[in-house]
Protein backbone atom coordinates (compact mmCIF):
# COMPACT_ATOMS: atom_id res chain seq x y z
CA UNK A 1 87.01 107.76 102.62
CA UNK A 2 90.34 107.18 103.02
CA UNK A 3 91.12 103.75 104.35
CA UNK A 4 92.50 105.28 106.69
CA UNK A 5 89.81 107.30 107.76
CA UNK A 6 87.30 104.50 107.47
CA UNK A 7 90.15 102.15 109.68
CA UNK A 8 89.21 105.29 112.27
CA UNK A 9 85.95 105.83 112.15
CA UNK A 10 84.88 102.31 112.33
CA UNK A 11 87.19 100.67 114.43
CA UNK A 12 88.66 99.08 111.33
CA UNK A 13 87.10 97.28 109.04
CA UNK A 14 85.29 95.41 111.66
CA UNK A 15 85.33 97.40 115.21
CA UNK A 16 88.26 95.56 116.45
CA UNK A 17 90.00 99.16 117.60
CA UNK A 18 89.32 101.74 119.16
CA UNK A 19 86.79 104.49 117.65
CA UNK A 20 88.81 107.29 116.03
CA UNK A 21 87.40 110.16 113.57
CA UNK A 22 90.60 112.02 111.43
CA UNK A 23 89.44 115.27 110.28
CA UNK A 24 90.75 118.06 108.24
CA UNK A 25 91.37 121.00 109.31
CA UNK A 26 88.33 123.09 109.77
CA UNK A 27 88.77 127.01 108.61
CA UNK A 28 89.39 129.26 105.52
CA UNK A 29 89.11 127.73 102.37
CA UNK A 30 93.03 126.36 100.85
CA UNK A 31 91.65 126.11 97.99
CA UNK A 32 93.55 128.75 95.77
CA UNK A 33 94.52 129.74 99.00
CA UNK A 34 98.73 131.24 98.80
CA UNK A 35 101.70 129.01 98.45
CA UNK A 36 104.34 128.66 101.26
CA UNK A 37 107.22 130.53 102.38
CA UNK A 38 109.05 131.48 99.17
CA UNK A 39 111.89 128.75 97.77
CA UNK A 40 114.94 128.37 99.29
CA UNK A 41 117.72 128.96 97.05
CA UNK A 42 118.60 125.03 97.49
CA UNK A 43 114.91 124.07 96.28
CA UNK A 44 115.88 126.79 93.03
CA UNK A 45 118.36 124.99 92.40
CA UNK A 46 117.08 121.40 92.66
CA UNK A 47 114.18 122.92 89.80
CA UNK A 48 117.07 123.82 88.12
CA UNK A 49 118.65 120.87 87.72
CA UNK A 50 115.36 118.37 86.81
CA UNK A 51 114.54 121.08 84.20
CA UNK A 52 118.46 120.48 82.39
CA UNK A 53 117.78 117.18 83.12
CA UNK A 54 113.93 117.02 81.02
CA UNK A 55 116.05 118.98 78.65
CA UNK A 56 119.08 116.60 78.38
CA UNK A 57 116.90 113.67 78.26
CA UNK A 58 113.94 114.92 75.80
CA UNK A 59 117.49 116.44 73.04
CA UNK A 60 118.48 112.56 73.14
CA UNK A 61 115.19 110.48 72.95
CA UNK A 62 114.70 113.22 69.71
CA UNK A 63 118.14 112.27 68.14
CA UNK A 64 116.47 109.28 66.34
CA UNK A 65 118.70 106.13 64.82
CA UNK A 66 120.05 107.47 61.61
CA UNK A 67 122.00 109.64 61.90
CA UNK A 68 124.02 110.47 57.89
CA UNK A 69 126.04 112.62 59.92
CA UNK A 70 127.83 109.94 62.18
CA UNK A 71 130.82 108.29 62.68
CA UNK A 72 130.74 104.26 62.13
CA UNK A 73 129.30 103.97 58.49
CA UNK A 74 127.87 100.68 57.66
CA UNK A 75 128.22 99.47 61.48
CA UNK A 76 124.53 98.21 62.93
CA UNK A 77 122.60 100.07 65.33
CA UNK A 78 120.71 98.23 67.84
CA UNK A 79 117.13 98.30 67.05
CA UNK A 80 114.50 99.90 69.24
CA UNK A 81 112.03 97.91 70.82
CA UNK A 82 109.17 98.45 72.83
CA UNK A 83 109.49 97.97 76.55
CA UNK A 84 107.20 94.79 77.47
CA UNK A 85 105.00 93.70 80.76
CA UNK A 86 106.37 91.73 83.50
CA UNK A 87 104.55 89.41 86.24
CA UNK A 88 101.55 88.47 86.15
CA UNK A 89 99.01 90.28 84.10
CA UNK A 90 95.82 92.49 85.25
CA UNK A 91 92.52 89.97 85.84
CA UNK A 92 90.23 90.29 83.56
CA UNK A 93 87.59 89.33 85.62
CA UNK A 94 85.63 91.04 87.92
CA UNK A 95 82.40 90.64 90.59
CA UNK A 96 80.18 93.80 91.40
CA UNK A 97 83.03 95.56 89.36
CA UNK A 98 85.83 95.13 91.73
CA UNK A 99 88.48 92.54 90.13
CA UNK A 100 88.44 88.84 91.28
CA UNK A 101 90.14 86.47 90.20
CA UNK A 102 93.68 86.97 91.49
CA UNK A 103 97.15 84.66 90.43
CA UNK A 104 97.53 81.46 93.08
CA UNK A 105 100.85 82.98 94.19
CA UNK A 106 102.76 85.99 95.80
CA UNK A 107 102.12 88.64 92.52
CA UNK A 108 98.45 87.41 92.71
CA UNK A 109 98.34 88.30 96.56
CA UNK A 110 99.88 91.19 96.56
CA UNK A 111 97.34 92.39 93.27
CA UNK A 112 94.90 91.72 95.38
CA UNK A 113 95.72 93.65 98.44
CA UNK A 114 96.45 96.48 96.02
CA UNK A 115 92.93 95.88 94.77
CA UNK A 116 90.94 95.88 97.67
CA UNK A 117 92.51 99.01 99.22
CA UNK A 118 91.63 101.01 96.57
CA UNK A 119 87.87 99.62 96.83
CA UNK A 120 87.82 99.84 100.73
CA UNK A 121 88.72 103.39 100.99
CA UNK A 122 86.51 104.48 98.35
CA UNK A 123 83.19 106.74 98.14
CA UNK A 124 80.96 103.88 97.36
CA UNK A 125 81.61 102.37 101.46
CA UNK A 126 78.99 105.39 102.03
CA UNK A 127 76.21 103.63 100.07
CA UNK A 128 74.63 100.83 101.86
CA UNK A 129 73.87 98.90 98.89
CA UNK A 130 77.66 99.02 97.55
CA UNK A 131 78.99 98.39 100.90
CA UNK A 132 77.35 95.44 100.92
CA UNK A 133 78.98 94.13 97.52
CA UNK A 134 82.23 95.14 98.68
CA UNK A 135 81.51 93.10 101.64
CA UNK A 136 80.44 90.14 100.76
CA UNK A 137 83.84 90.41 97.76
CA UNK A 138 86.50 91.53 99.50
CA UNK A 139 86.25 89.33 102.98
CA UNK A 140 86.62 85.90 103.41
CA UNK A 141 83.34 84.20 104.40
CA UNK A 142 83.45 82.96 107.69
CA UNK A 143 84.20 87.08 108.72
CA UNK A 144 82.04 89.07 106.12
CA UNK A 145 78.55 88.78 108.27
CA UNK A 146 80.84 90.00 111.37
CA UNK A 147 82.75 93.28 109.32
CA UNK A 148 78.87 94.45 107.33
CA UNK A 149 77.17 94.46 110.82
CA UNK A 150 80.21 96.32 112.53
CA UNK A 151 80.37 98.96 109.72
CA UNK A 152 76.69 99.48 108.81
CA UNK A 153 76.81 101.12 112.28
CA UNK A 154 80.02 102.68 111.63
CA UNK A 155 78.66 104.49 108.34
CA UNK A 156 74.89 105.41 109.68
CA UNK A 157 76.46 107.27 112.45
CA UNK A 158 74.80 110.67 112.02
CA UNK A 159 77.25 112.57 114.17
CA UNK A 160 80.29 110.77 112.09
CA UNK A 161 78.43 111.26 108.84
CA UNK A 162 77.99 115.50 109.37
CA UNK A 163 80.92 115.92 110.79
CA UNK A 164 82.79 115.53 107.22
CA UNK A 165 79.93 117.34 105.38
CA UNK A 166 77.31 114.21 104.17
CA UNK A 167 73.85 113.89 104.82
CA UNK A 168 72.06 111.46 106.32
CA UNK A 169 71.78 108.89 103.79
CA UNK A 170 75.98 109.37 102.88
CA UNK A 171 75.62 111.76 100.24
CA UNK A 172 77.07 115.16 99.77
CA UNK A 173 75.51 118.39 99.24
CA UNK A 174 74.49 119.97 96.38
CA UNK A 175 77.72 121.63 94.16
CA UNK A 176 80.29 119.47 96.17
CA UNK A 177 81.72 116.52 95.49
CA UNK A 178 83.35 113.96 98.05
CA UNK A 179 86.11 112.93 97.63
CA UNK A 180 87.28 109.15 98.93
CA UNK A 181 90.41 107.43 96.74
CA UNK A 182 93.18 105.30 97.72
CA UNK A 183 95.81 104.94 95.53
CA UNK A 184 98.38 102.15 96.56
CA UNK A 185 102.38 103.07 96.21
CA UNK A 186 103.30 100.02 96.31
CA UNK A 187 103.23 96.25 98.16
CA UNK A 188 105.34 93.52 99.83
CA UNK A 189 104.39 89.99 100.67
CA UNK A 190 105.80 89.23 104.46
CA UNK A 191 104.72 85.61 104.71
CA UNK A 192 103.34 83.09 102.66
CA UNK A 193 102.16 79.45 102.21
CA UNK A 194 99.59 77.82 99.89
CA UNK A 195 96.31 78.80 101.49
CA UNK A 196 97.50 82.67 102.98
CA UNK A 197 99.60 84.93 102.10
CA UNK A 198 100.46 88.40 104.49
CA UNK A 199 100.70 91.58 102.44
CA UNK A 200 101.73 94.70 103.24
CA UNK A 201 99.89 98.17 100.75
CA UNK A 202 101.12 101.39 101.28
CA UNK A 203 99.32 103.75 99.95
CA UNK A 204 98.22 107.77 100.09
CA UNK A 205 94.76 108.96 99.76
CA UNK A 206 92.95 111.80 99.63
CA UNK A 207 89.76 112.59 101.26
CA UNK A 208 87.22 115.49 101.84
CA UNK A 209 84.88 117.50 100.38
CA UNK A 210 85.70 119.49 97.13
CA UNK A 211 83.51 122.77 96.22
CA UNK A 212 83.98 126.24 97.09
CA UNK A 213 81.98 126.15 100.61
CA UNK A 214 83.62 123.06 101.93
CA UNK A 215 84.72 122.90 104.74
CA UNK A 216 86.52 120.15 104.92
CA UNK A 217 88.60 120.21 101.66
CA UNK A 218 90.47 117.30 100.74
CA UNK A 219 92.99 116.41 102.28
CA UNK A 220 96.09 114.07 101.78
CA UNK A 221 97.66 110.73 104.04
CA UNK A 222 99.29 108.06 103.92
CA UNK A 223 98.96 104.79 105.86
CA UNK A 224 100.59 100.99 105.42
CA UNK A 225 97.84 98.29 105.60
CA UNK A 226 99.25 95.05 106.44
CA UNK A 227 96.46 92.27 105.02
CA UNK A 228 96.02 88.85 105.88
CA UNK A 229 94.42 87.36 102.54
CA UNK A 230 93.72 83.20 102.52
CA UNK A 231 93.05 81.43 99.71
CA UNK A 232 89.50 79.88 98.72
CA UNK A 233 86.92 80.23 96.05
CA UNK A 234 90.22 80.69 93.79
CA UNK A 235 90.86 83.35 94.70
CA UNK A 236 92.20 85.56 97.92
CA UNK A 237 89.90 87.08 100.06
CA UNK A 238 90.98 89.23 102.99
CA UNK A 239 90.40 87.87 106.61
CA UNK A 240 91.92 90.68 108.45
CA UNK A 241 93.87 93.60 108.35
CA UNK A 242 96.82 95.90 110.50
CA UNK A 243 97.23 99.65 109.72
CA UNK A 244 99.58 101.89 110.64
CA UNK A 245 100.60 105.34 109.43
CA UNK A 246 103.12 106.42 106.91
CA UNK A 247 105.97 106.37 105.71
CA UNK A 248 105.27 110.19 105.16
CA UNK A 249 106.93 111.62 102.64
CA UNK A 250 108.04 115.70 102.91
CA UNK A 251 105.38 117.75 100.99
CA UNK A 252 106.05 119.74 98.39
CA UNK A 253 105.74 123.67 97.76
CA UNK A 254 103.11 123.71 96.05
CA UNK A 255 100.24 125.56 95.42
CA UNK A 256 96.50 124.46 96.34
CA UNK A 257 94.61 123.72 93.75
CA UNK A 258 90.86 125.12 93.33
CA UNK A 259 88.20 123.47 93.99
CA UNK A 260 87.12 123.68 90.67
CA UNK A 261 90.02 122.15 89.23
CA UNK A 262 90.21 119.10 91.99
CA UNK A 263 86.65 118.38 91.56
CA UNK A 264 87.72 117.92 87.49
CA UNK A 265 90.09 116.03 88.39
CA UNK A 266 88.16 113.56 90.67
CA UNK A 267 85.67 113.40 88.30
CA UNK A 268 87.65 113.38 85.10
CA UNK A 269 91.08 110.94 86.24
CA UNK A 270 89.60 107.15 86.66
CA UNK A 271 91.55 104.20 89.35
CA UNK A 272 93.81 101.53 87.75
CA UNK A 273 93.36 97.50 87.90
CA UNK A 274 96.61 96.92 90.35
CA UNK A 275 98.97 93.86 89.18
CA UNK A 276 102.38 92.61 89.90
């Protein structure tokens, strides 16, 4: 389930809000379905313009640094240099396979919030043992126990699991793949001190069931979650959060992928460890 869907199903990580479950529209198999209405002339001009820009960029990149036919004689040309990463380096340590050990600064707080968003919105949250590991790693000890109890109640709700197509133990039916993935787009620090930080994470989420017989196909949603983080035991820990919808971009005129392509993508493309 996406981070946003998990919030709504459980009342928000700790049952702090009204229970609300968002489910993909039922009926029909959108995979491999028809495109939306035909492209307008404006859309066609935009696409042609992008293609022209790409061709120009490729031609420019392939010009090479030593052009004997060009003017300038023996003038020195700038040397090529690889793009260097900026900011705090990504963390190397993990706890329960979750990135930990973030820097004690604003960059570290943003990296922690982004990485915690990913694991809290993952399909692992539907496995009880794994869910407990995630909560114990991500949350501050003084709130972890309460969050765990509330989330256990939410994720063991049979009606909720049935509605999204999962069995009582949180597993997907044979021949189908359960998808719940969060992809951070950006982060922003809105408040900070030596022992705390408030970080907003804007992200898109994928949630649903990938399979030919799925009635809940994988859909996309957009959210912004504001995390309250506390510096303790040489790392950032979550103490609270607030979530809102969007910002939501305008959808493109793209054909939905087949169930097979979606399943392969989920299985073959891994996630990232985020750092700034």
